[in-house]
N, C-alpha and C. Protein backbone atom coordinates (compact mmCIF):
# COMPACT_ATOMS: atom_id res chain seq x y z
N MET A 1 0.83 -1.06 0.03
CA MET A 1 0.01 0.04 -0.17
C MET A 1 0.98 1.24 -0.06
N THR A 2 0.38 2.23 -0.74
CA THR A 2 1.01 3.33 -0.61
C THR A 2 0.31 4.50 0.32
N LEU A 3 1.10 5.08 1.11
CA LEU A 3 0.50 6.11 1.97
C LEU A 3 1.07 7.48 1.82
N SER A 4 0.26 8.51 1.80
CA SER A 4 0.69 9.80 1.61
C SER A 4 -0.10 10.78 2.47
N CYS A 5 0.50 11.73 3.06
CA CYS A 5 -0.29 12.73 3.82
C CYS A 5 -0.94 13.72 2.89
N ALA A 6 -2.24 14.12 3.33
CA ALA A 6 -3.01 15.00 2.46
C ALA A 6 -3.47 16.02 3.54
N ALA A 7 -3.99 17.17 3.04
CA ALA A 7 -4.48 18.30 3.89
C ALA A 7 -5.52 17.83 4.84
N ASP A 8 -6.41 16.99 4.22
CA ASP A 8 -7.66 16.46 5.22
C ASP A 8 -7.42 15.07 5.72
N GLY A 9 -6.33 14.54 5.68
CA GLY A 9 -6.05 13.24 6.32
C GLY A 9 -5.00 12.44 5.41
N TRP A 10 -5.22 11.31 5.08
CA TRP A 10 -4.22 10.48 4.35
C TRP A 10 -4.84 10.06 2.99
N ASP A 11 -3.94 9.81 2.12
CA ASP A 11 -4.42 9.22 0.80
C ASP A 11 -3.68 7.85 0.94
N VAL A 12 -4.58 6.74 0.61
CA VAL A 12 -4.09 5.32 0.63
C VAL A 12 -4.49 4.84 -0.71
N VAL A 13 -3.63 4.10 -1.21
CA VAL A 13 -3.81 3.49 -2.45
C VAL A 13 -3.50 1.98 -2.28
N PRO A 14 -4.37 1.16 -2.16
CA PRO A 14 -3.97 -0.33 -1.96
C PRO A 14 -3.63 -0.92 -3.29
N PRO A 15 -2.73 -2.16 -3.12
CA PRO A 15 -2.25 -2.83 -4.41
C PRO A 15 -3.39 -3.37 -5.17
N SER A 16 -3.23 -3.49 -6.38
CA SER A 16 -4.21 -3.89 -7.21
C SER A 16 -4.85 -5.20 -7.00
N SER A 17 -4.04 -6.03 -6.21
CA SER A 17 -4.33 -7.46 -5.89
C SER A 17 -5.26 -7.44 -4.58
N ARG A 18 -5.51 -6.33 -4.12
CA ARG A 18 -6.43 -6.29 -2.86
C ARG A 18 -7.72 -5.69 -3.35
N PHE A 19 -8.51 -6.32 -4.06
CA PHE A 19 -9.81 -5.81 -4.54
C PHE A 19 -10.85 -5.74 -3.47
N ASP A 20 -10.46 -6.04 -2.32
CA ASP A 20 -11.38 -6.27 -1.20
C ASP A 20 -11.32 -4.87 -0.33
N ILE A 21 -10.35 -4.02 -0.72
CA ILE A 21 -10.15 -2.82 -0.14
C ILE A 21 -10.61 -1.72 -1.07
N ALA A 22 -11.96 -1.28 -0.99
CA ALA A 22 -12.41 -0.23 -1.84
C ALA A 22 -12.80 1.06 -1.16
N ILE A 23 -13.17 1.03 -0.01
CA ILE A 23 -13.71 2.16 0.69
C ILE A 23 -12.92 2.37 2.02
N GLU A 24 -13.14 3.51 2.62
CA GLU A 24 -12.55 3.78 3.94
C GLU A 24 -12.84 2.66 5.00
N VAL A 25 -13.91 2.31 4.99
CA VAL A 25 -14.27 1.24 6.15
C VAL A 25 -13.53 -0.02 5.79
N ASP A 26 -13.20 -0.41 4.57
CA ASP A 26 -12.48 -1.67 4.33
C ASP A 26 -11.11 -1.41 4.91
N LEU A 27 -10.54 -0.35 4.69
CA LEU A 27 -9.07 0.06 5.23
C LEU A 27 -9.08 0.17 6.76
N ILE A 28 -10.12 0.70 7.40
CA ILE A 28 -10.24 0.49 8.82
C ILE A 28 -10.33 -0.84 9.36
N GLU A 29 -11.12 -1.59 8.67
CA GLU A 29 -11.16 -3.10 9.09
C GLU A 29 -9.93 -3.90 8.95
N GLU A 30 -9.13 -3.56 7.83
CA GLU A 30 -8.00 -4.07 7.58
C GLU A 30 -6.96 -3.81 8.72
N VAL A 31 -6.85 -2.65 9.07
CA VAL A 31 -5.97 -2.04 10.23
C VAL A 31 -6.35 -2.77 11.50
N GLY A 32 -7.51 -2.88 11.75
CA GLY A 32 -7.99 -3.60 12.98
C GLY A 32 -7.72 -5.12 12.92
N ARG A 33 -7.73 -5.55 11.79
CA ARG A 33 -7.56 -7.10 11.54
C ARG A 33 -5.97 -7.26 11.95
N ILE A 34 -5.18 -6.51 11.45
CA ILE A 34 -3.70 -6.49 11.64
C ILE A 34 -3.29 -6.23 12.94
N TYR A 35 -3.73 -5.10 13.38
CA TYR A 35 -3.27 -4.53 14.72
C TYR A 35 -4.12 -5.31 15.78
N GLY A 36 -5.14 -5.73 15.69
CA GLY A 36 -6.02 -6.62 16.57
C GLY A 36 -7.18 -5.72 17.17
N PHE A 37 -8.29 -6.14 17.01
CA PHE A 37 -9.40 -5.43 17.35
C PHE A 37 -9.48 -5.27 18.97
N SER A 38 -9.01 -6.34 19.60
CA SER A 38 -9.10 -6.16 21.10
C SER A 38 -7.92 -5.13 21.68
N ALA A 39 -6.94 -4.91 20.61
CA ALA A 39 -5.71 -3.85 21.01
C ALA A 39 -6.31 -2.40 20.80
N ILE A 40 -7.35 -2.18 20.08
CA ILE A 40 -8.00 -0.96 19.79
C ILE A 40 -8.82 -0.50 21.16
N PRO A 41 -8.35 0.60 21.74
CA PRO A 41 -9.01 1.15 22.87
C PRO A 41 -10.46 1.47 22.79
N ALA A 42 -11.42 1.11 23.51
CA ALA A 42 -12.77 1.48 23.56
C ALA A 42 -12.93 2.88 24.00
N ALA A 43 -13.74 3.76 23.34
CA ALA A 43 -13.84 4.98 23.76
C ALA A 43 -15.28 5.51 23.47
N ARG A 44 -15.92 6.03 24.54
CA ARG A 44 -17.41 6.46 24.13
C ARG A 44 -17.34 7.83 23.49
N SER A 45 -18.38 7.94 22.70
CA SER A 45 -18.42 9.15 21.95
C SER A 45 -18.76 10.40 22.94
N LEU A 46 -18.18 11.61 22.58
CA LEU A 46 -18.29 12.59 23.48
C LEU A 46 -19.65 13.23 23.30
N THR A 47 -20.39 13.05 22.41
CA THR A 47 -21.76 13.49 22.17
C THR A 47 -22.94 12.61 22.68
N ARG A 48 -24.06 12.86 22.96
CA ARG A 48 -24.98 12.12 23.33
C ARG A 48 -25.67 11.41 21.92
N VAL A 49 -25.90 10.22 21.95
CA VAL A 49 -26.39 9.75 20.70
C VAL A 49 -27.79 9.00 21.04
N ASP A 50 -28.88 9.73 20.48
CA ASP A 50 -30.24 8.86 20.82
C ASP A 50 -30.77 8.42 19.49
N MET A 51 -31.00 7.19 19.63
CA MET A 51 -31.73 6.59 18.41
C MET A 51 -33.07 6.11 18.68
N HIS A 52 -33.82 6.78 17.93
CA HIS A 52 -35.39 6.56 17.90
C HIS A 52 -35.85 5.89 16.66
N ALA A 53 -36.54 4.62 16.71
CA ALA A 53 -36.95 4.04 15.58
C ALA A 53 -38.30 4.59 15.24
N PRO A 54 -38.57 4.79 14.10
CA PRO A 54 -39.96 5.60 13.70
C PRO A 54 -41.02 4.48 13.94
N PRO A 55 -41.99 5.01 14.58
CA PRO A 55 -43.28 4.07 14.87
C PRO A 55 -43.67 3.15 13.57
N GLU A 56 -44.16 2.06 13.85
CA GLU A 56 -44.46 1.12 12.80
C GLU A 56 -45.64 1.88 11.99
N ALA A 57 -46.52 2.56 12.46
CA ALA A 57 -47.66 3.12 11.91
C ALA A 57 -47.07 4.34 10.82
N ALA A 58 -45.85 4.67 10.94
CA ALA A 58 -45.29 5.66 9.86
C ALA A 58 -44.88 5.00 8.70
N PHE A 59 -44.91 3.73 8.69
CA PHE A 59 -44.60 3.00 7.47
C PHE A 59 -45.54 3.30 6.45
N ASP A 60 -45.18 3.80 5.29
CA ASP A 60 -46.14 4.20 4.26
C ASP A 60 -46.00 2.98 3.11
N LEU A 61 -47.15 2.10 3.15
CA LEU A 61 -47.06 1.10 2.35
C LEU A 61 -47.20 1.37 0.88
N GLU A 62 -47.90 2.35 0.50
CA GLU A 62 -48.12 2.75 -0.90
C GLU A 62 -46.62 3.47 -1.51
N ARG A 63 -46.05 4.16 -0.37
CA ARG A 63 -44.64 4.64 -0.97
C ARG A 63 -43.76 3.38 -1.08
N ALA A 64 -43.63 2.32 -0.21
CA ALA A 64 -42.87 1.19 -0.35
C ALA A 64 -43.29 0.43 -1.71
N LYS A 65 -44.53 0.24 -2.01
CA LYS A 65 -44.83 -0.40 -3.33
C LYS A 65 -44.40 0.46 -4.54
N GLN A 66 -44.49 1.81 -4.55
CA GLN A 66 -43.92 2.61 -5.55
C GLN A 66 -42.33 2.54 -5.53
N VAL A 67 -41.68 2.48 -4.46
CA VAL A 67 -40.15 2.34 -4.62
C VAL A 67 -39.74 0.96 -5.16
N LEU A 68 -40.60 -0.05 -4.84
CA LEU A 68 -40.14 -1.37 -5.48
C LEU A 68 -40.62 -1.34 -6.89
N ALA A 69 -41.65 -0.71 -7.30
CA ALA A 69 -41.91 -0.84 -8.75
C ALA A 69 -41.07 0.12 -9.59
N ASP A 70 -40.66 1.31 -8.99
CA ASP A 70 -39.69 1.91 -9.69
C ASP A 70 -38.33 1.26 -9.93
N ARG A 71 -37.98 0.35 -9.06
CA ARG A 71 -36.85 -0.49 -9.16
C ARG A 71 -36.97 -1.70 -9.91
N ASP A 72 -38.10 -1.78 -10.70
CA ASP A 72 -38.47 -2.82 -11.67
C ASP A 72 -38.76 -4.10 -11.01
N TYR A 73 -39.19 -4.21 -9.51
CA TYR A 73 -39.59 -5.28 -8.96
C TYR A 73 -40.92 -5.57 -9.57
N GLN A 74 -41.23 -6.83 -9.79
CA GLN A 74 -42.56 -7.35 -10.25
C GLN A 74 -43.33 -8.10 -9.04
N GLU A 75 -44.60 -8.08 -9.08
CA GLU A 75 -45.46 -8.70 -8.14
C GLU A 75 -45.40 -10.20 -8.56
N ALA A 76 -45.23 -11.13 -7.81
CA ALA A 76 -45.15 -12.48 -7.84
C ALA A 76 -46.34 -13.07 -7.01
N ILE A 77 -47.23 -13.86 -7.67
CA ILE A 77 -48.13 -14.69 -6.84
C ILE A 77 -47.96 -16.10 -7.21
N THR A 78 -47.92 -16.93 -6.22
CA THR A 78 -47.59 -18.28 -6.41
C THR A 78 -48.89 -18.97 -5.83
N TYR A 79 -49.40 -19.96 -6.64
CA TYR A 79 -50.60 -20.73 -6.24
C TYR A 79 -50.26 -22.15 -5.78
N SER A 80 -49.33 -22.35 -4.93
CA SER A 80 -48.72 -23.63 -4.55
C SER A 80 -49.67 -24.31 -3.84
N PHE A 81 -50.54 -23.81 -2.87
CA PHE A 81 -51.33 -24.35 -1.90
C PHE A 81 -52.80 -23.87 -2.10
N VAL A 82 -53.45 -24.19 -3.07
CA VAL A 82 -54.93 -23.82 -3.28
C VAL A 82 -55.78 -25.09 -3.44
N THR A 83 -57.01 -24.86 -3.22
CA THR A 83 -57.85 -25.80 -3.25
C THR A 83 -58.00 -26.19 -4.79
N ARG A 84 -58.47 -27.43 -5.15
CA ARG A 84 -58.66 -28.05 -6.46
C ARG A 84 -59.63 -27.08 -7.13
N ARG A 85 -60.69 -26.77 -6.50
CA ARG A 85 -61.69 -25.68 -7.27
C ARG A 85 -61.21 -24.56 -7.66
N SER A 86 -60.27 -23.84 -6.63
CA SER A 86 -59.56 -22.52 -6.98
C SER A 86 -58.57 -22.78 -8.18
N ASN A 87 -57.95 -23.84 -8.15
CA ASN A 87 -56.99 -24.24 -9.23
C ASN A 87 -57.57 -24.27 -10.61
N ASN A 88 -58.72 -25.01 -10.53
CA ASN A 88 -59.40 -25.06 -11.91
C ASN A 88 -59.95 -23.78 -12.41
N CYS A 89 -60.17 -22.83 -11.57
CA CYS A 89 -60.44 -21.35 -12.07
C CYS A 89 -59.41 -20.79 -12.72
N LEU A 90 -58.22 -21.20 -12.24
CA LEU A 90 -56.91 -20.43 -12.61
C LEU A 90 -56.22 -20.88 -13.85
N ILE A 91 -56.41 -22.18 -14.22
CA ILE A 91 -55.96 -22.89 -15.30
C ILE A 91 -56.80 -23.01 -16.55
N ARG A 92 -56.19 -23.03 -17.76
CA ARG A 92 -56.80 -23.24 -18.92
C ARG A 92 -57.42 -24.50 -18.97
N VAL A 93 -58.50 -24.97 -19.49
CA VAL A 93 -59.10 -25.98 -19.57
C VAL A 93 -58.18 -27.27 -20.47
N GLY A 94 -58.12 -28.24 -19.85
CA GLY A 94 -57.33 -29.34 -20.62
C GLY A 94 -55.85 -29.36 -20.17
N ARG A 95 -55.47 -28.35 -19.36
CA ARG A 95 -53.93 -28.20 -19.20
C ARG A 95 -53.76 -28.60 -17.71
N ARG A 96 -52.79 -29.41 -17.45
CA ARG A 96 -52.52 -30.11 -16.30
C ARG A 96 -51.59 -29.18 -15.51
N SER A 97 -51.80 -28.63 -14.19
CA SER A 97 -51.01 -27.92 -13.38
C SER A 97 -50.73 -28.30 -12.09
N ARG A 98 -51.43 -29.51 -11.67
CA ARG A 98 -51.22 -30.03 -10.39
C ARG A 98 -49.90 -30.79 -10.27
N LEU A 99 -49.14 -30.60 -9.15
CA LEU A 99 -48.03 -31.39 -8.94
C LEU A 99 -48.37 -31.92 -7.42
N PRO A 100 -48.62 -33.24 -7.40
CA PRO A 100 -48.86 -33.86 -6.20
C PRO A 100 -47.58 -33.70 -5.14
N ILE A 101 -47.89 -33.52 -3.93
CA ILE A 101 -46.87 -33.30 -2.90
C ILE A 101 -46.90 -34.62 -2.10
N ARG A 102 -45.82 -35.30 -2.05
CA ARG A 102 -45.84 -36.41 -1.39
C ARG A 102 -45.01 -36.32 -0.06
N SER A 103 -45.73 -36.65 0.93
CA SER A 103 -44.96 -36.44 2.41
C SER A 103 -45.28 -37.55 3.24
N ARG A 104 -44.58 -37.97 4.04
CA ARG A 104 -44.73 -39.17 5.05
C ARG A 104 -45.51 -38.59 6.11
N ARG A 105 -45.69 -37.31 6.44
CA ARG A 105 -46.40 -36.73 7.58
C ARG A 105 -47.93 -36.82 6.96
N ARG A 106 -48.87 -36.89 7.97
CA ARG A 106 -50.21 -36.91 7.65
C ARG A 106 -50.69 -35.53 7.96
N CYS A 107 -51.58 -34.92 7.23
CA CYS A 107 -52.39 -33.68 7.49
C CYS A 107 -53.33 -33.91 8.58
N ARG A 108 -53.47 -33.06 9.47
CA ARG A 108 -54.38 -33.12 10.51
C ARG A 108 -55.53 -32.12 10.31
């Protein structure tokens, strides 16, 4: 690795064979691995950090659907376990779509 001082810190260039070091966090992890994670002194933050999870009611289902659609996710419906009557409504006449499930367990 090549290391040089910069105005705002260090510039580090990993060797081309180290494709696993791509971002700053990768370099920090590598230093910790070599130096030893247990040898790094634990220090608490000087500022108070409060983490609050948003209430579940704040989840916007319609927004989530839109985000998934924007990312080209498609809705998939599988009819694996439906009644024979429902299955017959879903398939074309004369086409076999049932695949029997064999199990040693008995349904109760």
